[in-house]
Amino acid sequence: MKVLYAFSFCLMIAFLSGENSFGQSLAYKALLKRTYDQNFDLVYPEQKEFIKNAIILDTREAYEFEVSHLKGAQWIGYETFNLSSVEDIPKDSPIVVYCSIGARSQEIGKILKQNGFSKVYNLYGGIFHWVNENNPVFQADTLPTNKVHTYNKMWGIWLNKGEKVN
């Protein structure tokens, strides 16, 4: 119930506050601040070189991944995640996990860390913030697209750019 009230409050603020100078509403920033564990490392969309050189893991569901994903991302899922999907990744490799906004990816990231992966980073704002910052997404890794799966209509309010698919 507490989460529902917090989300309702954020929704109200989102409609009242609009975007700040960084293209992100104060409500979205507040949502992310409440969502993220302060002890879990983040990587930001502007850190493109770091992201490009990391192993990128998409923790959304397969139907979300098929709509679009970051270039080079490997789908590992959330509901069906299994450590066997990452068994070929060296445990000291830099890894960037992401989902829609970063909640599911943080949970998968924690599992990775608990299992010996030492350099795991959550993409700040997830694929929504990535696209909102004018970064590209792809279908089948080679086809640029504007489509982004919004998880559901309610979460779709945080995607300001691109074509919403739900």
N, C-alpha and C. Protein backbone atom coordinates (compact mmCIF):
# COMPACT_ATOMS: atom_id res chain seq x y z
N MET A 1 0.82 -1.20 0.00
CA MET A 1 0.00 0.00 0.00
C MET A 1 0.87 1.27 0.00
N LYS A 2 1.97 1.20 0.77
CA LYS A 2 2.89 2.34 0.84
C LYS A 2 3.44 2.67 -0.55
N VAL A 3 3.78 1.63 -1.32
CA VAL A 3 4.32 1.83 -2.66
C VAL A 3 3.27 2.49 -3.56
N LEU A 4 2.01 2.08 -3.43
CA LEU A 4 0.94 2.66 -4.23
C LEU A 4 0.78 4.15 -3.92
N TYR A 5 0.82 4.52 -2.65
CA TYR A 5 0.72 5.93 -2.28
C TYR A 5 1.92 6.72 -2.81
N ALA A 6 3.11 6.14 -2.68
CA ALA A 6 4.31 6.83 -3.17
C ALA A 6 4.24 7.02 -4.67
N PHE A 7 3.80 5.99 -5.39
CA PHE A 7 3.70 6.09 -6.85
C PHE A 7 2.65 7.12 -7.23
N SER A 8 1.50 7.14 -6.54
CA SER A 8 0.45 8.12 -6.82
C SER A 8 0.97 9.54 -6.61
N PHE A 9 1.72 9.73 -5.55
CA PHE A 9 2.30 11.04 -5.27
C PHE A 9 3.25 11.45 -6.38
N CYS A 10 4.10 10.50 -6.82
CA CYS A 10 5.04 10.79 -7.91
C CYS A 10 4.31 11.13 -9.19
N LEU A 11 3.23 10.43 -9.46
CA LEU A 11 2.44 10.71 -10.66
C LEU A 11 1.91 12.14 -10.63
N MET A 12 1.37 12.52 -9.48
CA MET A 12 0.82 13.87 -9.34
C MET A 12 1.92 14.91 -9.58
N ILE A 13 3.07 14.69 -8.99
CA ILE A 13 4.17 15.63 -9.15
C ILE A 13 4.64 15.66 -10.60
N ALA A 14 4.66 14.51 -11.25
CA ALA A 14 5.11 14.45 -12.65
C ALA A 14 4.27 15.35 -13.53
N PHE A 15 2.99 15.35 -13.32
CA PHE A 15 2.12 16.17 -14.14
C PHE A 15 2.26 17.66 -13.79
N LEU A 16 2.64 17.94 -12.56
CA LEU A 16 2.77 19.33 -12.14
C LEU A 16 4.14 19.93 -12.42
N SER A 17 5.17 19.09 -12.39
CA SER A 17 6.51 19.66 -12.45
C SER A 17 7.12 19.74 -13.84
N GLY A 18 6.73 18.92 -14.75
CA GLY A 18 7.35 18.94 -16.07
C GLY A 18 8.79 18.51 -15.99
N GLU A 19 9.57 18.83 -17.02
CA GLU A 19 10.97 18.41 -17.07
C GLU A 19 11.87 19.51 -16.53
N ASN A 20 12.98 19.08 -15.91
CA ASN A 20 13.97 20.06 -15.48
C ASN A 20 14.98 20.27 -16.60
N SER A 21 16.03 21.00 -16.33
CA SER A 21 17.01 21.33 -17.38
C SER A 21 17.77 20.12 -17.88
N PHE A 22 17.69 19.00 -17.17
CA PHE A 22 18.37 17.79 -17.61
C PHE A 22 17.41 16.84 -18.32
N GLY A 23 16.22 17.32 -18.67
CA GLY A 23 15.27 16.50 -19.40
C GLY A 23 14.57 15.46 -18.54
N GLN A 24 14.65 15.61 -17.24
CA GLN A 24 14.10 14.62 -16.34
C GLN A 24 13.22 15.34 -15.32
N SER A 25 12.00 14.87 -15.15
CA SER A 25 11.11 15.52 -14.19
C SER A 25 11.62 15.28 -12.77
N LEU A 26 11.27 16.18 -11.90
CA LEU A 26 11.63 16.01 -10.49
C LEU A 26 10.98 14.77 -9.92
N ALA A 27 9.78 14.45 -10.38
CA ALA A 27 9.07 13.26 -9.90
C ALA A 27 9.82 11.99 -10.30
N TYR A 28 10.34 11.97 -11.53
CA TYR A 28 11.09 10.80 -11.99
C TYR A 28 12.37 10.64 -11.18
N LYS A 29 13.05 11.74 -10.93
CA LYS A 29 14.26 11.69 -10.11
C LYS A 29 13.94 11.19 -8.71
N ALA A 30 12.80 11.65 -8.16
CA ALA A 30 12.40 11.20 -6.82
C ALA A 30 12.07 9.70 -6.83
N LEU A 31 11.40 9.25 -7.86
CA LEU A 31 11.08 7.83 -7.98
C LEU A 31 12.37 7.00 -8.01
N LEU A 32 13.33 7.42 -8.83
CA LEU A 32 14.58 6.68 -8.94
C LEU A 32 15.34 6.68 -7.61
N LYS A 33 15.33 7.80 -6.94
CA LYS A 33 16.04 7.90 -5.66
C LYS A 33 15.46 6.91 -4.65
N ARG A 34 14.13 6.77 -4.65
CA ARG A 34 13.48 5.82 -3.74
C ARG A 34 13.68 4.37 -4.19
N THR A 35 13.85 4.17 -5.47
CA THR A 35 13.97 2.82 -6.03
C THR A 35 15.35 2.23 -5.79
N TYR A 36 16.39 3.04 -5.91
CA TYR A 36 17.75 2.54 -5.87
C TYR A 36 18.29 2.39 -4.46
N ASP A 37 19.02 1.32 -4.26
CA ASP A 37 19.76 1.09 -3.02
C ASP A 37 21.02 1.96 -3.09
N GLN A 38 21.24 2.76 -2.08
CA GLN A 38 22.40 3.67 -2.09
C GLN A 38 23.73 2.94 -2.17
N ASN A 39 23.73 1.67 -1.80
CA ASN A 39 24.98 0.90 -1.80
C ASN A 39 25.22 0.16 -3.11
N PHE A 40 24.37 0.38 -4.11
CA PHE A 40 24.55 -0.30 -5.39
C PHE A 40 25.03 0.71 -6.41
N ASP A 41 26.13 0.40 -7.08
CA ASP A 41 26.76 1.33 -8.01
C ASP A 41 25.89 1.58 -9.24
N LEU A 42 25.89 2.83 -9.67
CA LEU A 42 25.17 3.25 -10.86
C LEU A 42 26.15 3.67 -11.95
N VAL A 43 25.70 3.54 -13.19
CA VAL A 43 26.42 4.10 -14.33
C VAL A 43 25.40 4.96 -15.07
N TYR A 44 25.83 6.07 -15.61
CA TYR A 44 24.92 7.04 -16.23
C TYR A 44 25.04 7.00 -17.75
N PRO A 45 23.96 7.32 -18.46
CA PRO A 45 23.98 7.28 -19.93
C PRO A 45 25.13 8.06 -20.56
N GLU A 46 25.56 9.14 -19.94
CA GLU A 46 26.65 9.93 -20.53
C GLU A 46 28.01 9.22 -20.41
N GLN A 47 28.08 8.13 -19.66
CA GLN A 47 29.33 7.36 -19.52
C GLN A 47 29.39 6.31 -20.64
N LYS A 48 29.22 6.77 -21.86
CA LYS A 48 29.10 5.89 -23.03
C LYS A 48 30.30 4.97 -23.23
N GLU A 49 31.50 5.48 -23.03
CA GLU A 49 32.70 4.66 -23.24
C GLU A 49 32.74 3.49 -22.25
N PHE A 50 32.41 3.77 -21.00
CA PHE A 50 32.37 2.71 -20.00
C PHE A 50 31.32 1.66 -20.37
N ILE A 51 30.14 2.13 -20.74
CA ILE A 51 29.04 1.21 -21.09
C ILE A 51 29.42 0.39 -22.31
N LYS A 52 30.01 1.04 -23.30
CA LYS A 52 30.40 0.35 -24.54
C LYS A 52 31.40 -0.78 -24.27
N ASN A 53 32.27 -0.59 -23.28
CA ASN A 53 33.29 -1.59 -22.97
C ASN A 53 32.86 -2.61 -21.91
N ALA A 54 31.65 -2.49 -21.42
CA ALA A 54 31.14 -3.42 -20.41
C ALA A 54 30.28 -4.49 -21.07
N ILE A 55 30.02 -5.52 -20.33
CA ILE A 55 29.03 -6.52 -20.75
C ILE A 55 27.68 -5.96 -20.33
N ILE A 56 26.76 -5.86 -21.28
CA ILE A 56 25.46 -5.24 -21.02
C ILE A 56 24.41 -6.35 -20.91
N LEU A 57 23.72 -6.38 -19.78
CA LEU A 57 22.71 -7.41 -19.53
C LEU A 57 21.33 -6.78 -19.39
N ASP A 58 20.40 -7.21 -20.21
CA ASP A 58 19.02 -6.73 -20.18
C ASP A 58 18.21 -7.65 -19.28
N THR A 59 17.66 -7.10 -18.21
CA THR A 59 16.93 -7.91 -17.23
C THR A 59 15.41 -7.83 -17.39
N ARG A 60 14.97 -7.27 -18.51
CA ARG A 60 13.53 -7.21 -18.78
C ARG A 60 13.08 -8.57 -19.32
N GLU A 61 11.81 -8.69 -19.56
CA GLU A 61 11.29 -9.93 -20.13
C GLU A 61 11.59 -9.98 -21.62
N ALA A 62 11.55 -11.18 -22.19
CA ALA A 62 11.93 -11.38 -23.59
C ALA A 62 11.11 -10.52 -24.54
N TYR A 63 9.80 -10.38 -24.28
CA TYR A 63 8.96 -9.58 -25.17
C TYR A 63 9.35 -8.10 -25.13
N GLU A 64 9.89 -7.62 -24.03
CA GLU A 64 10.37 -6.24 -23.94
C GLU A 64 11.68 -6.10 -24.72
N PHE A 65 12.56 -7.06 -24.54
CA PHE A 65 13.86 -7.08 -25.23
C PHE A 65 13.68 -7.12 -26.74
N GLU A 66 12.71 -7.90 -27.21
CA GLU A 66 12.49 -8.03 -28.65
C GLU A 66 12.04 -6.73 -29.30
N VAL A 67 11.36 -5.86 -28.54
CA VAL A 67 10.93 -4.56 -29.08
C VAL A 67 12.15 -3.69 -29.32
N SER A 68 13.04 -3.61 -28.33
CA SER A 68 14.29 -2.87 -28.47
C SER A 68 15.17 -3.12 -27.26
N HIS A 69 16.45 -2.84 -27.44
CA HIS A 69 17.43 -3.00 -26.38
C HIS A 69 18.69 -2.19 -26.72
N LEU A 70 19.56 -2.04 -25.76
CA LEU A 70 20.83 -1.37 -26.01
C LEU A 70 21.68 -2.25 -26.93
N LYS A 71 22.46 -1.61 -27.75
CA LYS A 71 23.31 -2.35 -28.70
C LYS A 71 24.26 -3.26 -27.93
N GLY A 72 24.30 -4.52 -28.36
CA GLY A 72 25.19 -5.49 -27.74
C GLY A 72 24.65 -6.13 -26.47
N ALA A 73 23.46 -5.74 -26.06
CA ALA A 73 22.91 -6.30 -24.81
C ALA A 73 22.59 -7.78 -24.96
N GLN A 74 22.82 -8.48 -23.87
CA GLN A 74 22.47 -9.90 -23.78
C GLN A 74 21.23 -10.00 -22.90
N TRP A 75 20.20 -10.69 -23.38
CA TRP A 75 18.99 -10.85 -22.60
C TRP A 75 19.18 -11.94 -21.55
N ILE A 76 18.87 -11.60 -20.29
CA ILE A 76 18.92 -12.61 -19.23
C ILE A 76 17.60 -12.72 -18.47
N GLY A 77 16.70 -11.76 -18.69
CA GLY A 77 15.38 -11.82 -18.08
C GLY A 77 15.35 -11.49 -16.60
N TYR A 78 14.14 -11.48 -16.08
CA TYR A 78 13.93 -11.22 -14.66
C TYR A 78 13.18 -12.39 -14.03
N GLU A 79 11.96 -12.62 -14.49
CA GLU A 79 11.15 -13.71 -13.93
C GLU A 79 11.81 -15.07 -14.15
N THR A 80 12.50 -15.24 -15.26
CA THR A 80 13.11 -16.52 -15.60
C THR A 80 14.62 -16.52 -15.41
N PHE A 81 15.17 -15.48 -14.79
CA PHE A 81 16.62 -15.38 -14.64
C PHE A 81 17.18 -16.61 -13.95
N ASN A 82 18.31 -17.07 -14.48
CA ASN A 82 19.02 -18.21 -13.92
C ASN A 82 20.51 -17.92 -14.06
N LEU A 83 21.27 -18.23 -13.05
CA LEU A 83 22.72 -17.97 -13.10
C LEU A 83 23.41 -18.67 -14.26
N SER A 84 22.80 -19.71 -14.79
CA SER A 84 23.43 -20.40 -15.92
C SER A 84 23.52 -19.48 -17.14
N SER A 85 22.68 -18.44 -17.20
CA SER A 85 22.71 -17.52 -18.34
C SER A 85 23.94 -16.60 -18.31
N VAL A 86 24.64 -16.57 -17.19
CA VAL A 86 25.83 -15.71 -17.08
C VAL A 86 27.09 -16.51 -16.73
N GLU A 87 27.00 -17.84 -16.84
CA GLU A 87 28.13 -18.67 -16.42
C GLU A 87 29.38 -18.48 -17.27
N ASP A 88 29.25 -17.97 -18.49
CA ASP A 88 30.41 -17.74 -19.36
C ASP A 88 31.04 -16.36 -19.18
N ILE A 89 30.46 -15.55 -18.31
CA ILE A 89 30.98 -14.20 -18.09
C ILE A 89 32.01 -14.24 -16.96
N PRO A 90 33.23 -13.77 -17.21
CA PRO A 90 34.23 -13.72 -16.13
C PRO A 90 33.73 -12.84 -14.98
N LYS A 91 33.93 -13.31 -13.78
CA LYS A 91 33.36 -12.62 -12.61
C LYS A 91 34.00 -11.26 -12.32
N ASP A 92 35.13 -10.96 -12.96
CA ASP A 92 35.75 -9.66 -12.75
C ASP A 92 35.50 -8.69 -13.91
N SER A 93 34.64 -9.08 -14.85
CA SER A 93 34.29 -8.20 -15.99
C SER A 93 33.34 -7.10 -15.53
N PRO A 94 33.50 -5.90 -16.08
CA PRO A 94 32.51 -4.86 -15.80
C PRO A 94 31.18 -5.25 -16.47
N ILE A 95 30.11 -5.18 -15.68
CA ILE A 95 28.78 -5.55 -16.15
C ILE A 95 27.82 -4.40 -15.89
N VAL A 96 27.04 -4.04 -16.91
CA VAL A 96 25.98 -3.05 -16.76
C VAL A 96 24.65 -3.79 -16.92
N VAL A 97 23.81 -3.71 -15.89
CA VAL A 97 22.47 -4.30 -15.95
C VAL A 97 21.47 -3.17 -16.15
N TYR A 98 20.38 -3.46 -16.84
CA TYR A 98 19.33 -2.46 -17.01
C TYR A 98 17.99 -3.13 -17.21
N CYS A 99 16.94 -2.34 -16.97
CA CYS A 99 15.56 -2.73 -17.26
C CYS A 99 14.84 -1.46 -17.69
N SER A 100 13.58 -1.32 -17.36
CA SER A 100 12.83 -0.12 -17.76
C SER A 100 13.32 1.12 -17.02
N ILE A 101 13.34 1.05 -15.67
CA ILE A 101 13.80 2.20 -14.89
C ILE A 101 14.97 1.86 -13.96
N GLY A 102 15.20 0.58 -13.72
CA GLY A 102 16.32 0.18 -12.88
C GLY A 102 15.97 -0.64 -11.66
N ALA A 103 14.71 -0.91 -11.40
CA ALA A 103 14.32 -1.68 -10.22
C ALA A 103 14.62 -3.16 -10.40
N ARG A 104 14.16 -3.76 -11.50
CA ARG A 104 14.42 -5.18 -11.73
C ARG A 104 15.90 -5.44 -11.93
N SER A 105 16.56 -4.56 -12.65
CA SER A 105 17.99 -4.76 -12.90
C SER A 105 18.80 -4.68 -11.61
N GLN A 106 18.41 -3.83 -10.69
CA GLN A 106 19.11 -3.75 -9.41
C GLN A 106 18.99 -5.08 -8.67
N GLU A 107 17.81 -5.69 -8.70
CA GLU A 107 17.61 -6.97 -8.02
C GLU A 107 18.48 -8.06 -8.64
N ILE A 108 18.52 -8.11 -9.97
CA ILE A 108 19.37 -9.09 -10.64
C ILE A 108 20.84 -8.77 -10.36
N GLY A 109 21.19 -7.50 -10.36
CA GLY A 109 22.56 -7.08 -10.05
C GLY A 109 23.00 -7.55 -8.66
N LYS A 110 22.10 -7.47 -7.71
CA LYS A 110 22.41 -7.94 -6.35
C LYS A 110 22.68 -9.44 -6.34
N ILE A 111 21.90 -10.18 -7.11
CA ILE A 111 22.12 -11.63 -7.22
C ILE A 111 23.49 -11.90 -7.83
N LEU A 112 23.84 -11.15 -8.86
CA LEU A 112 25.15 -11.32 -9.48
C LEU A 112 26.26 -11.05 -8.46
N LYS A 113 26.13 -9.97 -7.72
CA LYS A 113 27.16 -9.63 -6.72
C LYS A 113 27.25 -10.71 -5.64
N GLN A 114 26.10 -11.21 -5.21
CA GLN A 114 26.10 -12.26 -4.19
C GLN A 114 26.77 -13.54 -4.70
N ASN A 115 26.85 -13.68 -6.00
CA ASN A 115 27.45 -14.87 -6.60
C ASN A 115 28.83 -14.60 -7.19
N GLY A 116 29.50 -13.57 -6.69
CA GLY A 116 30.90 -13.37 -7.00
C GLY A 116 31.24 -12.40 -8.12
N PHE A 117 30.24 -11.83 -8.80
CA PHE A 117 30.54 -10.83 -9.83
C PHE A 117 30.87 -9.53 -9.11
N SER A 118 32.06 -9.00 -9.38
CA SER A 118 32.56 -7.90 -8.55
C SER A 118 32.32 -6.50 -9.11
N LYS A 119 32.06 -6.37 -10.41
CA LYS A 119 31.94 -5.05 -11.03
C LYS A 119 30.59 -4.92 -11.73
N VAL A 120 29.54 -4.82 -10.94
CA VAL A 120 28.18 -4.76 -11.48
C VAL A 120 27.62 -3.36 -11.25
N TYR A 121 27.09 -2.76 -12.31
CA TYR A 121 26.56 -1.40 -12.27
C TYR A 121 25.15 -1.40 -12.84
N ASN A 122 24.28 -0.63 -12.22
CA ASN A 122 22.91 -0.47 -12.70
C ASN A 122 22.84 0.79 -13.56
N LEU A 123 22.24 0.68 -14.76
CA LEU A 123 22.10 1.85 -15.64
C LEU A 123 21.06 2.79 -15.06
N TYR A 124 21.49 3.97 -14.68
CA TYR A 124 20.60 4.97 -14.08
C TYR A 124 19.42 5.28 -15.01
N GLY A 125 18.22 5.11 -14.48
CA GLY A 125 17.01 5.43 -15.23
C GLY A 125 16.60 4.37 -16.24
N GLY A 126 17.40 3.32 -16.37
CA GLY A 126 17.07 2.22 -17.28
C GLY A 126 16.98 2.66 -18.73
N ILE A 127 16.31 1.84 -19.52
CA ILE A 127 16.18 2.12 -20.95
C ILE A 127 15.35 3.39 -21.19
N PHE A 128 14.43 3.72 -20.25
CA PHE A 128 13.63 4.94 -20.42
C PHE A 128 14.53 6.17 -20.43
N HIS A 129 15.39 6.29 -19.43
CA HIS A 129 16.27 7.45 -19.36
C HIS A 129 17.28 7.43 -20.51
N TRP A 130 17.74 6.25 -20.87
CA TRP A 130 18.67 6.09 -22.00
C TRP A 130 18.07 6.72 -23.26
N VAL A 131 16.82 6.35 -23.56
CA VAL A 131 16.15 6.88 -24.75
C VAL A 131 15.80 8.35 -24.58
N ASN A 132 15.36 8.73 -23.39
CA ASN A 132 15.04 10.14 -23.13
C ASN A 132 16.25 11.05 -23.32
N GLU A 133 17.44 10.48 -23.18
CA GLU A 133 18.69 11.23 -23.39
C GLU A 133 19.19 11.10 -24.83
N ASN A 134 18.32 10.68 -25.73
CA ASN A 134 18.61 10.58 -27.17
C ASN A 134 19.65 9.53 -27.52
N ASN A 135 19.73 8.47 -26.75
CA ASN A 135 20.64 7.37 -27.07
C ASN A 135 19.89 6.32 -27.88
N PRO A 136 20.59 5.60 -28.75
CA PRO A 136 19.92 4.66 -29.65
C PRO A 136 19.55 3.33 -28.98
N VAL A 137 18.50 2.73 -29.51
CA VAL A 137 18.12 1.36 -29.16
C VAL A 137 17.92 0.59 -30.46
N PHE A 138 17.98 -0.72 -30.35
CA PHE A 138 18.01 -1.57 -31.54
C PHE A 138 17.08 -2.77 -31.40
N GLN A 139 16.64 -3.27 -32.55
CA GLN A 139 15.99 -4.56 -32.65
C GLN A 139 17.01 -5.47 -33.30
N ALA A 140 17.12 -6.68 -32.83
CA ALA A 140 18.04 -7.66 -33.41
C ALA A 140 19.47 -7.11 -33.51
N ASP A 141 19.82 -6.17 -32.67
CA ASP A 141 21.15 -5.60 -32.52
C ASP A 141 21.69 -4.81 -33.71
N THR A 142 21.02 -4.87 -34.84
CA THR A 142 21.53 -4.13 -35.99
C THR A 142 20.50 -3.17 -36.58
N LEU A 143 19.25 -3.28 -36.17
CA LEU A 143 18.20 -2.45 -36.72
C LEU A 143 17.83 -1.34 -35.73
N PRO A 144 18.26 -0.11 -35.99
CA PRO A 144 17.87 0.99 -35.11
C PRO A 144 16.34 1.14 -35.09
N THR A 145 15.81 1.48 -33.95
CA THR A 145 14.36 1.66 -33.81
C THR A 145 14.08 2.78 -32.82
N ASN A 146 12.88 3.32 -32.90
CA ASN A 146 12.42 4.30 -31.92
C ASN A 146 11.50 3.66 -30.90
N LYS A 147 11.18 2.39 -31.08
CA LYS A 147 10.23 1.71 -30.21
C LYS A 147 10.87 1.30 -28.90
N VAL A 148 10.09 1.49 -27.83
CA VAL A 148 10.52 1.07 -26.50
C VAL A 148 9.32 0.45 -25.80
N HIS A 149 9.50 -0.75 -25.27
CA HIS A 149 8.43 -1.37 -24.50
C HIS A 149 8.33 -0.65 -23.16
N THR A 150 7.14 -0.21 -22.80
CA THR A 150 6.96 0.60 -21.59
C THR A 150 6.57 -0.22 -20.36
N TYR A 151 6.65 -1.52 -20.42
CA TYR A 151 6.31 -2.43 -19.33
C TYR A 151 4.80 -2.46 -19.14
N ASN A 152 4.19 -1.31 -18.91
CA ASN A 152 2.73 -1.17 -18.91
C ASN A 152 2.40 0.31 -19.09
N LYS A 153 1.14 0.64 -19.28
CA LYS A 153 0.75 2.03 -19.55
C LYS A 153 1.12 2.97 -18.41
N MET A 154 0.99 2.49 -17.18
CA MET A 154 1.28 3.34 -16.03
C MET A 154 2.76 3.74 -16.01
N TRP A 155 3.66 2.78 -16.26
CA TRP A 155 5.09 3.09 -16.25
C TRP A 155 5.49 3.89 -17.49
N GLY A 156 4.71 3.79 -18.54
CA GLY A 156 5.01 4.48 -19.78
C GLY A 156 5.08 5.99 -19.67
N ILE A 157 4.51 6.55 -18.60
CA ILE A 157 4.56 8.02 -18.45
C ILE A 157 5.98 8.54 -18.33
N TRP A 158 6.92 7.66 -17.94
CA TRP A 158 8.30 8.11 -17.73
C TRP A 158 9.11 8.14 -19.02
N LEU A 159 8.57 7.55 -20.08
CA LEU A 159 9.25 7.58 -21.37
C LEU A 159 8.76 8.78 -22.15
N ASN A 160 9.63 9.76 -22.35
CA ASN A 160 9.26 11.01 -23.01
C ASN A 160 9.61 11.04 -24.49
N LYS A 161 10.47 10.16 -24.93
CA LYS A 161 10.89 10.12 -26.33
C LYS A 161 10.73 8.70 -26.84
N GLY A 162 10.76 8.56 -28.14
CA GLY A 162 10.59 7.24 -28.71
C GLY A 162 9.13 6.88 -28.85
N GLU A 163 8.87 5.74 -29.47
CA GLU A 163 7.51 5.25 -29.69
C GLU A 163 7.19 4.21 -28.61
N LYS A 164 6.16 4.49 -27.82
CA LYS A 164 5.77 3.61 -26.73
C LYS A 164 5.06 2.36 -27.24
N VAL A 165 5.52 1.21 -26.75
CA VAL A 165 4.90 -0.06 -27.05
C VAL A 165 4.58 -0.72 -25.72
N ASN A 166 3.35 -1.20 -25.56
CA ASN A 166 3.04 -1.94 -24.32
C ASN A 166 2.18 -3.13 -24.60
